[in-house]
Amino acid sequence: MIVVMKVGSPEAEIARLTEEFTSWGLSPEKIVGKHKVVIGLVGETAAMDPLQIQESSSWIEQVLRVEQPFKRASREYRHGEASEVPVSTPNGVVYIGEHHPIVTVAGPCSVENEEMIIETARRVKTAGAQFLRGGAYKPRTSPYAFQGHGESALGLLAAAREATGLGIITELMDAADLELLAEVADVIQIGARNMQNFSLLKKVGAQDKPILLKRGMAATIEDWLMAAEYILAAGNPNVILCERGIRTFDRQYARNTLDLSAIPVLRTLTHLPIMIDPSHGTGRAEYVPAMAMASIAAGTDSLMIEVHPNPKKALSDGPQSLTPDAFDELMKQLAIVGKPLGRWTEQRQPVGV
């Protein structure tokens, strides 16, 4: 349920109502929109009469029920307004959201060594990326495949961050590593295999670093949004949804099926920002440019692209990784699509700026 306040409602009245709603056993959340303040009410509201709530203050414009099972993630919860996720990086705050330029995340699947990760970071920054991705801990289908270098790789990501000023996005697999990983990561990624690891979602929801939540390989849209709800309900409002391909019946030509229809669907259902990962979504480097451009046309807020200086020698996901030169060319192509839509600003910059 949401309580929509009238334009110009006094802060004292909003505070009074918040205290009153709390006394009713509800959890009120103040949401500041462009023009109005909304108070979200979470708890046992089924038996409550919206008209009775509205009569509690002359400053209440209307009281509406949120019909979706994912309450806080629902677009209704913000009275139709999109949210934005601010991320602090050494180069300044980067905003990810529907009303901001598209944000690009790029880097290797795994952090392999210092020279490789810093070289890649420099190249993707020069091409225009604002964030470096790189796995320190890698969930792999086979227990015999490369699992990442762990804690030592976090140190290498920190070195790349210091050398370039890029924000860092890296995956958390185990709650025991959260504190250490959060010292390096500007955004914490929850991978597809952990999308419904509810205890892990609660842990990351209880801290304040933004969360990138990847869609599970067989997850429905509602499954995905309910997973986001766990993070939001634990107190962290900064969640980004990442579509990375789902598993369908045909895997002969592409690793996954990249569900770009999720973009308009999510726009109607949720206020949360959207990211698309065409690298995992296709599994083939030659398909990444087309799907990245299509993602922008469909309305994504961000892109995650895998880049490796020598994909043929990559320890993981080489076939879906672009070379730095290919990524540089892709960024030029993305600008052609993004600029007419008003979603692209010149992002190319030398390292050190």
Protein backbone atom coordinates (compact mmCIF):
# COMPACT_ATOMS: atom_id res chain seq x y z
CA MET A 1 0.00 0.00 0.00
CA ILE A 2 1.22 3.53 -0.73
CA VAL A 3 0.16 6.88 0.67
CA VAL A 4 0.55 9.67 -1.90
CA MET A 5 1.08 13.06 -0.27
CA LYS A 6 -0.05 16.32 -1.81
CA VAL A 7 2.50 18.66 -3.39
CA GLY A 8 4.04 20.86 -0.69
CA SER A 9 3.20 18.57 2.22
CA PRO A 10 5.06 19.77 5.35
CA GLU A 11 7.92 17.58 6.57
CA ALA A 12 6.44 17.70 10.06
CA GLU A 13 3.19 16.16 8.80
CA ILE A 14 5.05 13.44 6.90
CA ALA A 15 7.03 12.65 10.05
CA ARG A 16 3.83 12.56 12.13
CA LEU A 17 2.16 10.15 9.72
CA THR A 18 5.25 7.96 9.59
CA GLU A 19 5.19 7.69 13.38
CA GLU A 20 1.47 6.94 13.37
CA PHE A 21 1.80 4.21 10.71
CA THR A 22 4.62 2.66 12.73
CA SER A 23 2.35 2.53 15.78
CA TRP A 24 -0.09 0.50 13.66
CA GLY A 25 2.57 -2.21 13.25
CA LEU A 26 3.49 -1.20 9.69
CA SER A 27 6.90 -0.42 8.17
CA PRO A 28 6.60 3.00 6.50
CA GLU A 29 9.20 4.10 3.93
CA LYS A 30 9.45 7.67 2.69
CA ILE A 31 9.98 7.85 -1.09
CA VAL A 32 10.82 11.27 -2.54
CA GLY A 33 9.76 11.64 -6.17
CA LYS A 34 10.21 14.49 -8.62
CA HIS A 35 7.02 16.23 -7.57
CA LYS A 36 5.53 14.35 -4.64
CA VAL A 37 6.41 12.35 -1.57
CA VAL A 38 5.04 8.82 -1.27
CA ILE A 39 4.97 6.81 1.95
CA GLY A 40 5.19 3.09 1.27
CA LEU A 41 3.46 0.88 3.83
CA VAL A 42 4.67 -2.69 4.21
CA GLY A 43 2.98 -5.12 6.57
CA GLU A 44 -0.49 -6.49 7.21
CA THR A 45 -2.53 -4.00 5.18
CA ALA A 46 -5.11 -6.35 3.64
CA ALA A 47 -7.79 -5.52 6.20
CA MET A 48 -7.10 -1.78 6.22
CA ASP A 49 -9.52 0.64 4.59
CA PRO A 50 -7.71 3.10 2.27
CA LEU A 51 -10.41 5.72 2.85
CA GLN A 52 -9.91 5.52 6.60
CA ILE A 53 -6.16 6.01 6.16
CA GLN A 54 -6.77 8.99 3.89
CA GLU A 55 -8.91 10.64 6.56
CA SER A 56 -5.94 10.63 8.95
CA SER A 57 -4.51 13.76 7.27
CA SER A 58 -5.76 16.51 4.98
CA TRP A 59 -2.35 16.40 3.28
CA ILE A 60 -2.94 12.89 1.90
CA GLU A 61 -3.91 12.99 -1.77
CA GLN A 62 -4.76 9.30 -2.18
CA VAL A 63 -4.09 5.84 -0.78
CA LEU A 64 -3.46 3.00 -3.23
CA ARG A 65 -2.95 -0.73 -2.86
CA VAL A 66 0.12 -2.36 -4.43
CA GLU A 67 -1.27 -5.44 -6.13
CA GLN A 68 2.02 -7.10 -7.11
CA PRO A 69 3.58 -9.71 -4.77
CA PHE A 70 6.91 -7.87 -5.09
CA LYS A 71 5.91 -4.77 -3.11
CA ARG A 72 9.05 -2.65 -2.82
CA ALA A 73 10.29 -3.65 -6.29
CA SER A 74 6.97 -2.74 -7.89
CA ARG A 75 6.72 0.41 -9.99
CA GLU A 76 3.44 1.07 -8.18
CA TYR A 77 5.40 1.42 -4.94
CA ARG A 78 7.02 4.59 -6.32
CA HIS A 79 3.75 5.84 -7.82
CA GLY A 80 5.02 5.09 -11.34
CA GLU A 81 8.41 6.79 -11.04
CA ALA A 82 11.70 5.10 -11.95
CA SER A 83 14.46 4.86 -9.36
CA GLU A 84 18.16 5.45 -9.91
CA VAL A 85 21.17 3.78 -8.34
CA PRO A 86 24.05 6.14 -7.47
CA VAL A 87 27.44 4.44 -7.37
CA SER A 88 30.48 6.15 -5.87
CA THR A 89 33.66 5.55 -7.89
CA PRO A 90 37.11 7.18 -7.83
CA ASN A 91 36.02 9.14 -10.92
CA GLY A 92 32.89 10.45 -9.18
CA VAL A 93 29.31 9.30 -8.69
CA VAL A 94 27.82 7.34 -11.60
CA TYR A 95 24.03 7.14 -11.82
CA ILE A 96 22.37 4.08 -13.34
CA GLY A 97 18.73 4.47 -14.25
CA GLU A 98 16.06 5.14 -16.82
CA HIS A 99 16.65 8.90 -16.95
CA HIS A 100 20.44 8.78 -17.24
CA PRO A 101 22.90 8.01 -20.06
CA ILE A 102 23.67 4.34 -20.61
CA VAL A 103 26.43 3.04 -18.35
CA THR A 104 28.95 0.56 -19.75
CA VAL A 105 30.63 -2.17 -17.70
CA ALA A 106 33.49 -4.09 -19.32
CA GLY A 107 36.28 -6.47 -18.44
CA PRO A 108 37.28 -10.13 -18.31
CA CYS A 109 35.27 -13.00 -16.92
CA SER A 110 38.07 -13.77 -14.45
CA VAL A 111 40.96 -11.82 -12.97
CA GLU A 112 43.99 -13.80 -14.16
CA ASN A 113 47.04 -11.70 -13.27
CA GLU A 114 48.01 -8.09 -12.55
CA GLU A 115 49.30 -7.21 -16.01
CA MET A 116 46.19 -8.59 -17.71
CA ILE A 117 43.63 -6.87 -15.47
CA ILE A 118 45.33 -3.46 -15.47
CA GLU A 119 45.90 -3.55 -19.23
CA THR A 120 42.24 -4.44 -19.77
CA ALA A 121 41.08 -1.75 -17.35
CA ARG A 122 43.10 0.91 -19.16
CA ARG A 123 41.78 -0.14 -22.56
CA VAL A 124 38.11 -0.29 -21.60
CA LYS A 125 38.33 3.06 -19.81
CA THR A 126 39.89 4.67 -22.87
CA ALA A 127 37.02 3.28 -24.95
CA GLY A 128 34.46 4.77 -22.57
CA ALA A 129 33.56 2.18 -19.92
CA GLN A 130 32.76 3.51 -16.44
CA PHE A 131 33.12 0.19 -14.61
CA LEU A 132 35.51 -2.75 -14.71
CA ARG A 133 34.06 -6.22 -14.26
CA GLY A 134 36.22 -9.16 -13.23
CA GLY A 135 35.64 -12.32 -11.23
CA ALA A 136 37.73 -13.11 -8.16
CA TYR A 137 35.42 -15.98 -7.18
CA LYS A 138 33.96 -17.95 -10.08
CA PRO A 139 30.99 -20.35 -9.91
CA ARG A 140 31.69 -22.97 -12.58
CA THR A 141 29.58 -25.87 -13.78
CA SER A 142 32.53 -28.24 -13.45
CA PRO A 143 34.39 -28.56 -10.12
CA TYR A 144 37.58 -29.04 -12.17
CA ALA A 145 37.29 -25.74 -14.07
CA PHE A 146 39.16 -22.59 -13.02
CA GLN A 147 37.40 -21.19 -9.94
CA GLY A 148 39.14 -17.81 -9.73
CA HIS A 149 42.09 -16.65 -7.65
CA GLY A 150 39.92 -15.54 -4.72
CA GLU A 151 41.30 -13.04 -2.22
CA SER A 152 44.47 -12.33 -4.21
CA ALA A 153 42.33 -11.37 -7.22
CA LEU A 154 40.52 -8.79 -5.09
CA GLY A 155 43.88 -7.13 -4.52
CA LEU A 156 44.45 -7.01 -8.27
CA LEU A 157 41.03 -5.43 -8.82
CA ALA A 158 41.93 -2.82 -6.21
CA ALA A 159 45.15 -2.10 -8.11
CA ALA A 160 43.21 -1.68 -11.37
CA ARG A 161 40.75 0.64 -9.62
CA GLU A 162 43.61 2.78 -8.33
CA ALA A 163 45.34 2.85 -11.71
CA THR A 164 42.27 3.88 -13.72
CA GLY A 165 39.61 5.28 -11.40
CA LEU A 166 37.05 2.83 -12.76
CA GLY A 167 34.35 1.49 -10.49
CA ILE A 168 34.61 -2.24 -9.73
CA ILE A 169 31.87 -4.85 -10.13
CA THR A 170 32.67 -8.35 -8.93
CA GLU A 171 30.68 -11.38 -7.82
CA LEU A 172 30.00 -12.54 -4.28
CA MET A 173 29.40 -16.28 -3.85
CA ASP A 174 29.75 -16.79 -0.11
CA ALA A 175 28.52 -14.51 2.68
CA ALA A 176 31.78 -15.21 4.52
CA ASP A 177 33.61 -13.17 1.85
CA LEU A 178 31.24 -10.18 1.96
CA GLU A 179 33.28 -7.88 4.19
CA LEU A 180 36.51 -8.45 2.27
CA LEU A 181 34.86 -8.14 -1.14
CA ALA A 182 32.96 -4.97 -0.16
CA GLU A 183 36.28 -3.24 0.56
CA VAL A 184 37.10 -3.45 -3.16
CA ALA A 185 33.76 -3.64 -4.99
CA ASP A 186 31.73 -0.53 -5.76
CA VAL A 187 28.87 -2.79 -6.88
CA ILE A 188 28.43 -6.34 -5.57
CA GLN A 189 27.22 -8.86 -8.13
CA ILE A 190 24.94 -11.74 -7.22
CA GLY A 191 25.28 -14.22 -10.06
CA ALA A 192 22.61 -16.23 -11.84
CA ARG A 193 23.33 -19.37 -9.82
CA ASN A 194 22.77 -17.50 -6.55
CA MET A 195 19.72 -15.49 -7.59
CA GLN A 196 17.55 -17.46 -5.17
CA ASN A 197 20.15 -17.95 -2.44
CA PHE A 198 17.86 -16.16 -0.01
CA SER A 199 20.24 -16.11 2.95
CA LEU A 200 22.87 -14.45 0.73
CA LEU A 201 20.30 -11.94 -0.57
CA LYS A 202 19.42 -10.98 3.00
CA LYS A 203 23.10 -10.48 3.83
CA VAL A 204 23.78 -8.13 0.92
CA GLY A 205 20.50 -6.38 1.63
CA ALA A 206 21.71 -5.56 5.13
CA GLN A 207 24.72 -3.58 3.85
CA ASP A 208 24.79 -0.44 1.73
CA LYS A 209 26.85 -1.27 -1.37
CA PRO A 210 24.68 -1.38 -4.54
CA ILE A 211 23.73 -4.86 -5.75
CA LEU A 212 23.72 -6.18 -9.32
CA LEU A 213 21.24 -9.07 -9.36
CA LYS A 214 21.59 -11.37 -12.36
CA ARG A 215 18.58 -13.34 -13.54
CA GLY A 216 18.72 -17.06 -12.91
CA MET A 217 19.07 -19.34 -15.92
CA ALA A 218 15.54 -20.72 -15.53
CA ALA A 219 13.96 -17.88 -13.56
CA THR A 220 10.68 -16.24 -14.49
CA ILE A 221 10.37 -12.46 -14.31
CA GLU A 222 8.39 -12.82 -11.07
CA ASP A 223 11.03 -15.14 -9.56
CA TRP A 224 13.64 -12.51 -10.36
CA LEU A 225 11.68 -9.59 -8.92
CA MET A 226 10.85 -11.55 -5.78
CA ALA A 227 14.60 -12.17 -5.35
CA ALA A 228 15.16 -8.41 -5.65
CA GLU A 229 12.44 -7.96 -3.04
CA TYR A 230 14.56 -9.88 -0.52
CA ILE A 231 17.36 -7.34 -0.93
CA LEU A 232 15.02 -4.36 -0.77
CA ALA A 233 13.17 -5.75 2.24
CA ALA A 234 16.47 -6.15 4.10
CA GLY A 235 17.07 -2.41 3.74
CA ASN A 236 19.19 -1.89 0.62
CA PRO A 237 17.31 0.21 -1.98
CA ASN A 238 20.09 0.14 -4.59
CA VAL A 239 19.42 -2.88 -6.79
CA ILE A 240 20.18 -3.23 -10.52
CA LEU A 241 18.57 -6.07 -12.49
CA CYS A 242 20.79 -7.82 -15.05
CA GLU A 243 19.37 -10.00 -17.84
CA ARG A 244 22.12 -12.44 -18.89
CA GLY A 245 20.25 -14.98 -20.96
CA ILE A 246 17.97 -17.84 -20.02
CA ARG A 247 18.21 -21.52 -20.87
CA THR A 248 15.85 -22.70 -23.59
CA PHE A 249 15.64 -25.82 -25.75
CA ASP A 250 18.22 -24.80 -28.39
CA ARG A 251 21.85 -24.41 -27.26
CA GLN A 252 23.47 -25.49 -30.52
CA TYR A 253 24.22 -22.01 -31.82
CA ALA A 254 24.15 -19.75 -28.75
CA ARG A 255 25.02 -20.37 -25.11
CA ASN A 256 21.72 -18.93 -23.85
CA THR A 257 18.68 -17.09 -25.16
CA LEU A 258 19.03 -13.39 -24.40
CA ASP A 259 15.56 -12.27 -23.35
CA LEU A 260 15.35 -8.67 -24.58
CA SER A 261 11.58 -8.74 -24.12
CA ALA A 262 12.41 -8.52 -20.42
CA ILE A 263 13.27 -4.83 -20.87
CA PRO A 264 9.77 -3.52 -21.73
CA VAL A 265 8.21 -6.03 -19.33
CA LEU A 266 10.38 -4.81 -16.46
CA ARG A 267 9.66 -1.19 -17.37
CA THR A 268 5.97 -1.78 -16.69
CA LEU A 269 6.50 -3.84 -13.53
CA THR A 270 9.41 -2.29 -11.64
CA HIS A 271 11.17 0.98 -10.94
CA LEU A 272 14.59 -0.72 -10.73
CA PRO A 273 17.35 -0.01 -13.31
CA ILE A 274 18.07 -2.60 -15.99
CA MET A 275 21.38 -3.97 -17.28
CA ILE A 276 21.88 -6.37 -20.20
CA ASP A 277 24.79 -8.83 -20.51
CA PRO A 278 24.96 -9.90 -24.19
CA SER A 279 28.23 -11.76 -23.60
CA HIS A 280 26.69 -14.45 -21.40
CA GLY A 281 23.40 -14.01 -23.23
CA THR A 282 24.87 -15.34 -26.48
CA GLY A 283 28.18 -16.97 -25.52
CA ARG A 284 29.70 -15.92 -28.84
CA ALA A 285 31.78 -12.77 -29.32
CA GLU A 286 30.54 -12.31 -32.89
CA TYR A 287 26.94 -12.00 -31.65
CA VAL A 288 27.65 -9.49 -28.89
CA PRO A 289 27.62 -6.25 -30.97
CA ALA A 290 24.21 -6.92 -32.53
CA MET A 291 22.62 -7.80 -29.20
CA ALA A 292 24.26 -4.86 -27.42
CA MET A 293 22.85 -2.44 -29.99
CA ALA A 294 19.45 -4.14 -29.82
CA SER A 295 19.54 -3.77 -26.02
CA ILE A 296 19.96 -0.01 -26.33
CA ALA A 297 17.13 0.18 -28.86
CA ALA A 298 14.91 -1.80 -26.46
CA GLY A 299 15.67 0.60 -23.61
CA THR A 300 18.39 -0.83 -21.36
CA ASP A 301 20.03 1.45 -18.79
CA SER A 302 23.39 -0.33 -18.80
CA LEU A 303 25.48 -2.92 -20.63
CA MET A 304 27.97 -5.50 -19.35
CA ILE A 305 30.49 -6.64 -21.98
CA GLU A 306 33.26 -9.19 -21.50
CA VAL A 307 36.65 -8.00 -22.78
CA HIS A 308 39.94 -9.90 -22.67
CA PRO A 309 43.33 -8.95 -24.20
CA ASN A 310 43.71 -12.47 -25.63
CA PRO A 311 40.38 -14.35 -25.63
CA LYS A 312 41.91 -17.54 -27.05
CA LYS A 313 44.05 -17.87 -23.93
CA ALA A 314 41.40 -16.78 -21.41
CA LEU A 315 41.03 -19.04 -18.38
CA SER A 316 37.24 -18.73 -18.63
CA ASP A 317 34.63 -17.61 -21.18
CA GLY A 318 37.11 -16.81 -23.94
CA PRO A 319 34.66 -17.51 -26.82
CA GLN A 320 32.29 -14.75 -25.67
CA SER A 321 34.97 -12.13 -24.93
CA LEU A 322 35.77 -9.22 -27.22
CA THR A 323 39.32 -8.05 -27.78
CA PRO A 324 40.06 -4.48 -26.64
CA ASP A 325 40.12 -3.36 -30.29
CA ALA A 326 36.72 -4.96 -30.92
CA PHE A 327 35.32 -3.31 -27.78
CA ASP A 328 36.63 0.06 -28.93
CA GLU A 329 34.81 -0.37 -32.24
CA LEU A 330 31.66 -1.56 -30.47
CA MET A 331 31.52 1.58 -28.32
CA LYS A 332 31.52 3.69 -31.49
CA GLN A 333 28.62 1.62 -32.85
CA LEU A 334 26.70 1.92 -29.58
CA ALA A 335 27.03 5.70 -29.71
CA ILE A 336 25.31 5.72 -33.11
CA VAL A 337 22.31 3.92 -31.61
CA GLY A 338 22.28 5.65 -28.24
CA LYS A 339 22.64 9.31 -29.25
CA PRO A 340 19.36 9.63 -31.21
CA LEU A 341 17.56 8.10 -28.21
CA GLY A 342 19.09 10.67 -25.87
CA ARG A 343 20.78 7.93 -23.85
CA TRP A 344 24.43 8.39 -24.83
CA THR A 345 27.08 10.92 -23.90
CA GLU A 346 30.68 10.97 -25.10
CA GLN A 347 32.43 8.52 -22.82
CA ARG A 348 35.87 8.06 -24.33
CA GLN A 349 38.57 9.33 -21.99
CA PRO A 350 42.29 8.82 -21.48
CA VAL A 351 43.46 6.91 -18.42
CA GLY A 352 44.37 9.31 -15.64
CA VAL A 353 41.39 11.59 -16.24
